[in-house]
Amino acid sequence: MKNVLEYEAATVVRDGRTILGPIDWTVDPTQRWAILGPNGAGKTTLLQLAATLIHPTKGKVKVLGERLGKTDVFDLRPRVGFASSAMARLIPDSEIVLDAVMTAAYSVAGRWNEVYEDVDERRARRVLKEWKLADLAERRFGTLSDGERKRVQIARAVMTDPELLLLDEPAASLDLGAREELLELLGGYAPSPSAPAIIMVTHHVEEIPAGFGHALLLRDGQIVATGEIGQVITSEHLTGAFGRRLQVSRIGSRFSAFAA
């Protein structure tokens, strides 16, 4: 089975300072990963490499079998779904939700003169229904709640049937009810055989949905622990990653953590 991601001594240097790496890491198509670590640990940089938005300064990164720096990333990007607050800011507030999702077919934010086929609209409406957004299809993006906007971002990211789905803090800023609704949807989507490989960055173990089987902890651009989620999300490893004593508990497939 071909890996969707391969990092080999991948390193990112900015202004003479190493902010990530060297990282060795692989992701296969069946895996769902949670990436955690404190602010400045390198989580977003790790995700930006996977999204082909940046290249490594040193080392190698392969995305869907193609090495960054040796391939046309514009051919790769439609095969990678990416949901983040930065991407959401590109969607005009005046855009209707249906168009905000459908424009992913052209990898643009903001409908202009593109020509869409009926199959594109049917696909967009089906995705909106799957993410409980069907009733909002004709609403303006700028009128949505934070929770609704987050779900629109994910619906847009899966619109093109990606081989790799990247989620950058999808539950950030949500209230408890909106967070749990989103995690319930993600928890139902992640185990599906038709779902792509998924990588989700979060600051909180409470935001890891059911169905995620692997985790990676970062600190100061280095991997603290990586592997099966039950062996990584532990009191010892989180204490090492966040630099203070933490106690982890688990109920079913959900985690929580607090200061010990």
C-alpha atoms as a PDB file:
ATOM      1  CA  MET A   1       0.000   0.000   0.000  1.00  0.00           C
ATOM      2  CA  LYS A   2       1.523   3.276  -1.137  1.00  0.00           C
ATOM      3  CA  ASN A   3       2.074   5.901   1.557  1.00  0.00           C
ATOM      4  CA  VAL A   4       0.245   9.208   1.110  1.00  0.00           C
ATOM      5  CA  LEU A   5       2.994  11.045   3.017  1.00  0.00           C
ATOM      6  CA  GLU A   6       6.689  10.379   3.519  1.00  0.00           C
ATOM      7  CA  TYR A   7       8.987  12.686   5.478  1.00  0.00           C
ATOM      8  CA  GLU A   8      12.673  11.826   5.404  1.00  0.00           C
ATOM      9  CA  ALA A   9      14.845  14.061   7.621  1.00  0.00           C
ATOM     10  CA  ALA A  10      12.464  16.868   6.622  1.00  0.00           C
ATOM     11  CA  THR A  11      13.643  20.205   8.019  1.00  0.00           C
ATOM     12  CA  VAL A  12      12.296  23.732   7.731  1.00  0.00           C
ATOM     13  CA  VAL A  13      14.594  26.681   8.509  1.00  0.00           C
ATOM     14  CA  ARG A  14      13.434  30.308   8.655  1.00  0.00           C
ATOM     15  CA  ASP A  15      15.695  33.302   9.295  1.00  0.00           C
ATOM     16  CA  GLY A  16      18.491  30.936  10.209  1.00  0.00           C
ATOM     17  CA  ARG A  17      16.404  29.141  12.848  1.00  0.00           C
ATOM     18  CA  THR A  18      15.212  25.550  12.543  1.00  0.00           C
ATOM     19  CA  ILE A  19      11.473  25.554  13.268  1.00  0.00           C
ATOM     20  CA  LEU A  20      10.829  21.939  12.295  1.00  0.00           C
ATOM     21  CA  GLY A  21      12.927  18.847  12.012  1.00  0.00           C
ATOM     22  CA  PRO A  22      14.584  16.762  11.134  1.00  0.00           C
ATOM     23  CA  ILE A  23      11.349  14.723  10.898  1.00  0.00           C
ATOM     24  CA  ASP A  24      10.967  11.110   9.766  1.00  0.00           C
ATOM     25  CA  TRP A  25       7.300  10.162   9.408  1.00  0.00           C
ATOM     26  CA  THR A  26       5.034   8.167   7.109  1.00  0.00           C
ATOM     27  CA  VAL A  27       1.253   8.052   6.698  1.00  0.00           C
ATOM     28  CA  ASP A  28      -0.601   5.337   4.811  1.00  0.00           C
ATOM     29  CA  PRO A  29      -4.073   5.737   3.216  1.00  0.00           C
ATOM     30  CA  THR A  30      -5.912   3.924   6.022  1.00  0.00           C
ATOM     31  CA  GLN A  31      -4.600   6.068   8.868  1.00  0.00           C
ATOM     32  CA  ARG A  32      -6.149   8.997  10.769  1.00  0.00           C
ATOM     33  CA  TRP A  33      -3.601  11.057  12.715  1.00  0.00           C
ATOM     34  CA  ALA A  34      -3.942  13.644  15.476  1.00  0.00           C
ATOM     35  CA  ILE A  35      -1.008  16.089  15.760  1.00  0.00           C
ATOM     36  CA  LEU A  36      -0.554  17.833  19.118  1.00  0.00           C
ATOM     37  CA  GLY A  37       1.979  20.078  20.789  1.00  0.00           C
ATOM     38  CA  PRO A  38       2.352  23.511  22.405  1.00  0.00           C
ATOM     39  CA  ASN A  39       2.310  26.786  20.496  1.00  0.00           C
ATOM     40  CA  GLY A  40       5.391  27.083  18.309  1.00  0.00           C
ATOM     41  CA  ALA A  41       6.013  23.335  18.271  1.00  0.00           C
ATOM     42  CA  GLY A  42       5.872  23.154  14.467  1.00  0.00           C
ATOM     43  CA  LYS A  43       2.396  21.648  13.985  1.00  0.00           C
ATOM     44  CA  THR A  44       1.204  24.082  11.335  1.00  0.00           C
ATOM     45  CA  THR A  45       4.552  23.886   9.516  1.00  0.00           C
ATOM     46  CA  LEU A  46       4.249  20.095   9.442  1.00  0.00           C
ATOM     47  CA  LEU A  47       0.776  20.477   7.921  1.00  0.00           C
ATOM     48  CA  GLN A  48       1.882  23.118   5.404  1.00  0.00           C
ATOM     49  CA  LEU A  49       4.438  20.668   4.015  1.00  0.00           C
ATOM     50  CA  ALA A  50       1.703  18.066   3.582  1.00  0.00           C
ATOM     51  CA  ALA A  51      -0.499  20.686   1.903  1.00  0.00           C
ATOM     52  CA  THR A  52       2.364  21.507  -0.550  1.00  0.00           C
ATOM     53  CA  LEU A  53       2.222  25.155   0.589  1.00  0.00           C
ATOM     54  CA  ILE A  54       5.912  25.144   1.533  1.00  0.00           C
ATOM     55  CA  HIS A  55       8.954  23.021   0.676  1.00  0.00           C
ATOM     56  CA  PRO A  56      11.454  21.583   3.149  1.00  0.00           C
ATOM     57  CA  THR A  57      14.723  23.466   3.511  1.00  0.00           C
ATOM     58  CA  LYS A  58      16.523  20.143   3.861  1.00  0.00           C
ATOM     59  CA  GLY A  59      15.485  16.522   3.609  1.00  0.00           C
ATOM     60  CA  LYS A  60      12.698  15.013   1.526  1.00  0.00           C
ATOM     61  CA  VAL A  61       8.903  15.172   1.584  1.00  0.00           C
ATOM     62  CA  LYS A  62       6.720  13.062  -0.685  1.00  0.00           C
ATOM     63  CA  VAL A  63       3.015  13.843  -0.986  1.00  0.00           C
ATOM     64  CA  LEU A  64       0.901  11.199  -2.734  1.00  0.00           C
ATOM     65  CA  GLY A  65       4.079   9.693  -4.110  1.00  0.00           C
ATOM     66  CA  GLU A  66       5.414  12.961  -5.558  1.00  0.00           C
ATOM     67  CA  ARG A  67       8.514  14.617  -4.102  1.00  0.00           C
ATOM     68  CA  LEU A  68       8.201  18.308  -3.278  1.00  0.00           C
ATOM     69  CA  GLY A  69      10.606  20.305  -5.385  1.00  0.00           C
ATOM     70  CA  LYS A  70      10.489  17.698  -8.155  1.00  0.00           C
ATOM     71  CA  THR A  71       6.814  17.943  -9.136  1.00  0.00           C
ATOM     72  CA  ASP A  72       4.171  20.515 -10.071  1.00  0.00           C
ATOM     73  CA  VAL A  73       2.349  21.219  -6.804  1.00  0.00           C
ATOM     74  CA  PHE A  74      -0.585  22.732  -8.702  1.00  0.00           C
ATOM     75  CA  ASP A  75      -1.342  19.252 -10.036  1.00  0.00           C
ATOM     76  CA  LEU A  76      -1.088  17.826  -6.527  1.00  0.00           C
ATOM     77  CA  ARG A  77      -3.212  20.322  -4.612  1.00  0.00           C
ATOM     78  CA  PRO A  78      -6.629  19.276  -5.978  1.00  0.00           C
ATOM     79  CA  ARG A  79      -5.875  15.798  -4.567  1.00  0.00           C
ATOM     80  CA  VAL A  80      -5.332  17.215  -1.061  1.00  0.00           C
ATOM     81  CA  GLY A  81      -8.224  18.635   0.963  1.00  0.00           C
ATOM     82  CA  PHE A  82      -7.165  21.375   3.394  1.00  0.00           C
ATOM     83  CA  ALA A  83      -9.421  23.068   5.951  1.00  0.00           C
ATOM     84  CA  SER A  84      -7.978  25.893   8.039  1.00  0.00           C
ATOM     85  CA  SER A  85      -8.928  29.314   9.360  1.00  0.00           C
ATOM     86  CA  ALA A  86      -6.456  30.844   6.886  1.00  0.00           C
ATOM     87  CA  MET A  87      -8.254  29.176   3.982  1.00  0.00           C
ATOM     88  CA  ALA A  88     -11.639  30.260   5.375  1.00  0.00           C
ATOM     89  CA  ARG A  89     -10.535  33.910   5.324  1.00  0.00           C
ATOM     90  CA  LEU A  90     -10.218  33.640   1.544  1.00  0.00           C
ATOM     91  CA  ILE A  91     -13.944  32.908   1.162  1.00  0.00           C
ATOM     92  CA  PRO A  92     -15.894  36.158   0.605  1.00  0.00           C
ATOM     93  CA  ASP A  93     -18.551  36.845   3.235  1.00  0.00           C
ATOM     94  CA  SER A  94     -21.019  37.433   0.395  1.00  0.00           C
ATOM     95  CA  GLU A  95     -20.475  33.973  -1.113  1.00  0.00           C
ATOM     96  CA  ILE A  96     -23.401  31.598  -0.727  1.00  0.00           C
ATOM     97  CA  VAL A  97     -22.546  28.343   1.021  1.00  0.00           C
ATOM     98  CA  LEU A  98     -23.254  26.180  -2.021  1.00  0.00           C
ATOM     99  CA  ASP A  99     -20.772  28.176  -4.110  1.00  0.00           C
ATOM    100  CA  ALA A 100     -18.210  28.242  -1.293  1.00  0.00           C
ATOM    101  CA  VAL A 101     -18.152  24.443  -1.436  1.00  0.00           C
ATOM    102  CA  MET A 102     -18.528  24.045  -5.196  1.00  0.00           C
ATOM    103  CA  THR A 103     -15.605  26.361  -6.058  1.00  0.00           C
ATOM    104  CA  ALA A 104     -13.271  23.770  -4.565  1.00  0.00           C
ATOM    105  CA  ALA A 105     -13.650  21.942  -7.900  1.00  0.00           C
ATOM    106  CA  TYR A 106     -11.521  24.739  -9.433  1.00  0.00           C
ATOM    107  CA  SER A 107      -9.352  25.289  -6.356  1.00  0.00           C
ATOM    108  CA  VAL A 108     -10.558  28.885  -6.089  1.00  0.00           C
ATOM    109  CA  ALA A 109     -12.227  30.853  -3.298  1.00  0.00           C
ATOM    110  CA  GLY A 110     -14.955  33.127  -4.579  1.00  0.00           C
ATOM    111  CA  ARG A 111     -17.067  32.268  -7.594  1.00  0.00           C
ATOM    112  CA  TRP A 112     -16.314  34.261 -10.733  1.00  0.00           C
ATOM    113  CA  ASN A 113     -16.636  33.066 -14.352  1.00  0.00           C
ATOM    114  CA  GLU A 114     -16.089  29.336 -13.849  1.00  0.00           C
ATOM    115  CA  VAL A 115     -18.538  26.997 -15.543  1.00  0.00           C
ATOM    116  CA  TYR A 116     -19.898  24.204 -13.359  1.00  0.00           C
ATOM    117  CA  GLU A 117     -21.731  21.114 -14.512  1.00  0.00           C
ATOM    118  CA  ASP A 118     -24.811  19.622 -12.907  1.00  0.00           C
ATOM    119  CA  VAL A 119     -22.620  16.887 -11.442  1.00  0.00           C
ATOM    120  CA  ASP A 120     -20.616  19.535  -9.547  1.00  0.00           C
ATOM    121  CA  GLU A 121     -23.742  20.973  -7.944  1.00  0.00           C
ATOM    122  CA  ARG A 122     -25.114  17.532  -7.094  1.00  0.00           C
ATOM    123  CA  ARG A 123     -21.811  16.600  -5.500  1.00  0.00           C
ATOM    124  CA  ALA A 124     -21.706  19.859  -3.503  1.00  0.00           C
ATOM    125  CA  ARG A 125     -25.274  19.411  -2.262  1.00  0.00           C
ATOM    126  CA  ARG A 126     -24.563  15.816  -1.243  1.00  0.00           C
ATOM    127  CA  VAL A 127     -21.488  16.888   0.723  1.00  0.00           C
ATOM    128  CA  LEU A 128     -23.470  19.693   2.400  1.00  0.00           C
ATOM    129  CA  LYS A 129     -26.084  17.157   3.465  1.00  0.00           C
ATOM    130  CA  GLU A 130     -23.424  14.817   4.887  1.00  0.00           C
ATOM    131  CA  TRP A 131     -22.071  17.656   7.045  1.00  0.00           C
ATOM    132  CA  LYS A 132     -25.548  18.830   8.158  1.00  0.00           C
ATOM    133  CA  LEU A 133     -25.406  21.992   6.068  1.00  0.00           C
ATOM    134  CA  ALA A 134     -28.118  21.310   3.471  1.00  0.00           C
ATOM    135  CA  ASP A 135     -30.480  23.909   4.988  1.00  0.00           C
ATOM    136  CA  LEU A 136     -27.745  26.545   4.743  1.00  0.00           C
ATOM    137  CA  ALA A 137     -26.938  26.066   1.044  1.00  0.00           C
ATOM    138  CA  GLU A 138     -28.348  29.470   0.027  1.00  0.00           C
ATOM    139  CA  ARG A 139     -27.077  31.396   3.066  1.00  0.00           C
ATOM    140  CA  ARG A 140     -24.205  33.868   2.822  1.00  0.00           C
ATOM    141  CA  PHE A 141     -20.967  32.575   4.305  1.00  0.00           C
ATOM    142  CA  GLY A 142     -20.566  35.750   6.379  1.00  0.00           C
ATOM    143  CA  THR A 143     -23.846  35.101   8.220  1.00  0.00           C
ATOM    144  CA  LEU A 144     -22.842  31.682   9.566  1.00  0.00           C
ATOM    145  CA  SER A 145     -21.871  30.799  13.116  1.00  0.00           C
ATOM    146  CA  ASP A 146     -18.327  29.620  13.880  1.00  0.00           C
ATOM    147  CA  GLY A 147     -19.482  26.015  14.012  1.00  0.00           C
ATOM    148  CA  GLU A 148     -21.245  26.284  10.679  1.00  0.00           C
ATOM    149  CA  ARG A 149     -18.206  27.927   9.085  1.00  0.00           C
ATOM    150  CA  LYS A 150     -15.962  25.126  10.327  1.00  0.00           C
ATOM    151  CA  ARG A 151     -18.246  22.522   8.778  1.00  0.00           C
ATOM    152  CA  VAL A 152     -18.372  24.461   5.489  1.00  0.00           C
ATOM    153  CA  GLN A 153     -14.550  24.443   5.442  1.00  0.00           C
ATOM    154  CA  ILE A 154     -14.506  20.664   5.846  1.00  0.00           C
ATOM    155  CA  ALA A 155     -17.291  20.169   3.287  1.00  0.00           C
ATOM    156  CA  ARG A 156     -15.268  22.257   0.852  1.00  0.00           C
ATOM    157  CA  ALA A 157     -12.139  20.225   1.636  1.00  0.00           C
ATOM    158  CA  VAL A 158     -13.855  16.894   0.849  1.00  0.00           C
ATOM    159  CA  MET A 159     -15.748  18.236  -2.204  1.00  0.00           C
ATOM    160  CA  THR A 160     -13.047  17.026  -4.629  1.00  0.00           C
ATOM    161  CA  ASP A 161     -12.833  13.517  -3.113  1.00  0.00           C
ATOM    162  CA  PRO A 162      -9.257  14.058  -1.901  1.00  0.00           C
ATOM    163  CA  GLU A 163      -6.745  11.296  -1.241  1.00  0.00           C
ATOM    164  CA  LEU A 164      -5.494  13.182   1.818  1.00  0.00           C
ATOM    165  CA  LEU A 165      -7.509  15.431   4.154  1.00  0.00           C
ATOM    166  CA  LEU A 166      -5.743  17.992   6.359  1.00  0.00           C
ATOM    167  CA  LEU A 167      -7.590  19.722   9.213  1.00  0.00           C
ATOM    168  CA  ASP A 168      -5.891  22.590  11.048  1.00  0.00           C
ATOM    169  CA  GLU A 169      -7.593  23.036  14.442  1.00  0.00           C
ATOM    170  CA  PRO A 170     -11.128  22.375  13.153  1.00  0.00           C
ATOM    171  CA  ALA A 171     -12.693  22.715  16.622  1.00  0.00           C
ATOM    172  CA  ALA A 172     -10.840  25.893  17.683  1.00  0.00           C
ATOM    173  CA  SER A 173     -13.090  28.686  19.014  1.00  0.00           C
ATOM    174  CA  LEU A 174     -16.210  26.507  19.066  1.00  0.00           C
ATOM    175  CA  ASP A 175     -18.527  26.338  22.056  1.00  0.00           C
ATOM    176  CA  LEU A 176     -19.087  22.967  23.712  1.00  0.00           C
ATOM    177  CA  GLY A 177     -22.214  22.112  21.733  1.00  0.00           C
ATOM    178  CA  ALA A 178     -20.741  23.082  18.364  1.00  0.00           C
ATOM    179  CA  ARG A 179     -17.506  21.260  19.166  1.00  0.00           C
ATOM    180  CA  GLU A 180     -19.291  18.036  20.050  1.00  0.00           C
ATOM    181  CA  GLU A 181     -21.464  18.242  16.929  1.00  0.00           C
ATOM    182  CA  LEU A 182     -18.367  18.609  14.773  1.00  0.00           C
ATOM    183  CA  LEU A 183     -16.490  15.813  16.550  1.00  0.00           C
ATOM    184  CA  GLU A 184     -19.512  13.533  16.190  1.00  0.00           C
ATOM    185  CA  LEU A 185     -19.535  14.164  12.431  1.00  0.00           C
ATOM    186  CA  LEU A 186     -15.765  13.652  12.152  1.00  0.00           C
ATOM    187  CA  GLY A 187     -15.999  10.529  14.298  1.00  0.00           C
ATOM    188  CA  GLY A 188     -18.589   9.109  11.941  1.00  0.00           C
ATOM    189  CA  TYR A 189     -16.629  10.061   8.836  1.00  0.00           C
ATOM    190  CA  ALA A 190     -13.135   8.922   9.876  1.00  0.00           C
ATOM    191  CA  PRO A 191     -13.808   5.126  10.023  1.00  0.00           C
ATOM    192  CA  SER A 192     -15.533   5.068   6.636  1.00  0.00           C
ATOM    193  CA  PRO A 193     -13.681   2.968   4.043  1.00  0.00           C
ATOM    194  CA  SER A 194     -14.342   5.741   1.522  1.00  0.00           C
ATOM    195  CA  ALA A 195     -12.680   8.416   3.698  1.00  0.00           C
ATOM    196  CA  PRO A 196      -9.141   9.480   2.768  1.00  0.00           C
ATOM    197  CA  ALA A 197      -6.153   9.510   5.063  1.00  0.00           C
ATOM    198  CA  ILE A 198      -6.783  12.273   7.633  1.00  0.00           C
ATOM    199  CA  ILE A 199      -4.352  14.432   9.594  1.00  0.00           C
ATOM    200  CA  MET A 200      -5.759  16.809  12.190  1.00  0.00           C
ATOM    201  CA  VAL A 201      -3.833  19.401  14.184  1.00  0.00           C
ATOM    202  CA  THR A 202      -5.242  20.306  17.588  1.00  0.00           C
ATOM    203  CA  HIS A 203      -4.080  21.773  20.897  1.00  0.00           C
ATOM    204  CA  HIS A 204      -6.415  19.670  23.041  1.00  0.00           C
ATOM    205  CA  VAL A 205      -6.761  15.904  23.458  1.00  0.00           C
ATOM    206  CA  GLU A 206     -10.472  16.489  24.115  1.00  0.00           C
ATOM    207  CA  GLU A 207     -10.817  17.483  20.451  1.00  0.00           C
ATOM    208  CA  ILE A 208      -9.568  14.168  19.047  1.00  0.00           C
ATOM    209  CA  PRO A 209     -12.578  12.472  17.412  1.00  0.00           C
ATOM    210  CA  ALA A 210     -13.410   8.804  17.635  1.00  0.00           C
ATOM    211  CA  GLY A 211     -11.948   6.820  14.765  1.00  0.00           C
ATOM    212  CA  PHE A 212      -8.468   8.360  14.967  1.00  0.00           C
ATOM    213  CA  GLY A 213      -5.934   5.601  15.518  1.00  0.00           C
ATOM    214  CA  HIS A 214      -2.569   7.408  15.482  1.00  0.00           C
ATOM    215  CA  ALA A 215      -1.023  10.455  17.119  1.00  0.00           C
ATOM    216  CA  LEU A 216       2.168  12.494  16.880  1.00  0.00           C
ATOM    217  CA  LEU A 217       3.425  14.857  19.584  1.00  0.00           C
ATOM    218  CA  LEU A 218       5.757  17.741  18.749  1.00  0.00           C
ATOM    219  CA  ARG A 219       7.865  20.038  20.901  1.00  0.00           C
ATOM    220  CA  ASP A 220      10.361  22.613  19.585  1.00  0.00           C
ATOM    221  CA  GLY A 221      10.079  21.179  16.086  1.00  0.00           C
ATOM    222  CA  GLN A 222      10.980  17.665  17.220  1.00  0.00           C
ATOM    223  CA  ILE A 223       8.901  14.512  17.588  1.00  0.00           C
ATOM    224  CA  VAL A 224       8.303  13.600  21.233  1.00  0.00           C
ATOM    225  CA  ALA A 225       6.244  10.485  20.496  1.00  0.00           C
ATOM    226  CA  THR A 226       4.534   8.925  17.494  1.00  0.00           C
ATOM    227  CA  GLY A 227       2.502   5.799  16.855  1.00  0.00           C
ATOM    228  CA  GLU A 228      -0.766   4.219  17.909  1.00  0.00           C
ATOM    229  CA  ILE A 229      -2.910   6.734  19.731  1.00  0.00           C
ATOM    230  CA  GLY A 230      -3.273   4.807  22.996  1.00  0.00           C
ATOM    231  CA  GLN A 231       0.490   4.518  23.322  1.00  0.00           C
ATOM    232  CA  VAL A 232       1.154   8.174  22.476  1.00  0.00           C
ATOM    233  CA  ILE A 233      -1.597  10.059  24.326  1.00  0.00           C
ATOM    234  CA  THR A 234      -0.323   9.229  27.809  1.00  0.00           C
ATOM    235  CA  SER A 235       0.441  11.276  30.894  1.00  0.00           C
ATOM    236  CA  GLU A 236       4.173  10.742  30.425  1.00  0.00           C
ATOM    237  CA  HIS A 237       4.275  11.781  26.784  1.00  0.00           C
ATOM    238  CA  LEU A 238       1.994  14.808  27.175  1.00  0.00           C
ATOM    239  CA  THR A 239       4.060  15.953  30.140  1.00  0.00           C
ATOM    240  CA  GLY A 240       7.154  15.781  27.938  1.00  0.00           C
ATOM    241  CA  ALA A 241       5.471  17.612  25.057  1.00  0.00           C
ATOM    242  CA  PHE A 242       3.874  20.442  27.037  1.00  0.00           C
ATOM    243  CA  GLY A 243       6.538  20.876  29.707  1.00  0.00           C
ATOM    244  CA  ARG A 244       4.345  20.450  32.785  1.00  0.00           C
ATOM    245  CA  ARG A 245       2.912  17.501  34.652  1.00  0.00           C
ATOM    246  CA  LEU A 246      -0.304  16.381  32.989  1.00  0.00           C
ATOM    247  CA  GLN A 247      -2.684  13.577  33.799  1.00  0.00           C
ATOM    248  CA  VAL A 248      -4.495  11.863  30.923  1.00  0.00           C
ATOM    249  CA  SER A 249      -7.723   9.926  31.242  1.00  0.00           C
ATOM    250  CA  ARG A 250      -9.709   8.044  28.622  1.00  0.00           C
ATOM    251  CA  ILE A 251     -13.352   7.087  28.387  1.00  0.00           C
ATOM    252  CA  GLY A 252     -14.048   4.900  25.381  1.00  0.00           C
ATOM    253  CA  SER A 253     -12.388   6.558  22.406  1.00  0.00           C
ATOM    254  CA  ARG A 254     -12.236  10.064  23.910  1.00  0.00           C
ATOM    255  CA  PHE A 255      -9.399  11.614  25.928  1.00  0.00           C
ATOM    256  CA  SER A 256      -9.110  14.360  28.509  1.00  0.00           C
ATOM    257  CA  ALA A 257      -6.097  15.919  30.244  1.00  0.00           C
ATOM    258  CA  PHE A 258      -5.511  18.197  33.202  1.00  0.00           C
ATOM    259  CA  ALA A 259      -2.653  19.417  35.373  1.00  0.00           C
ATOM    260  CA  ALA A 260      -1.474  16.716  37.754  1.00  0.00           C
END
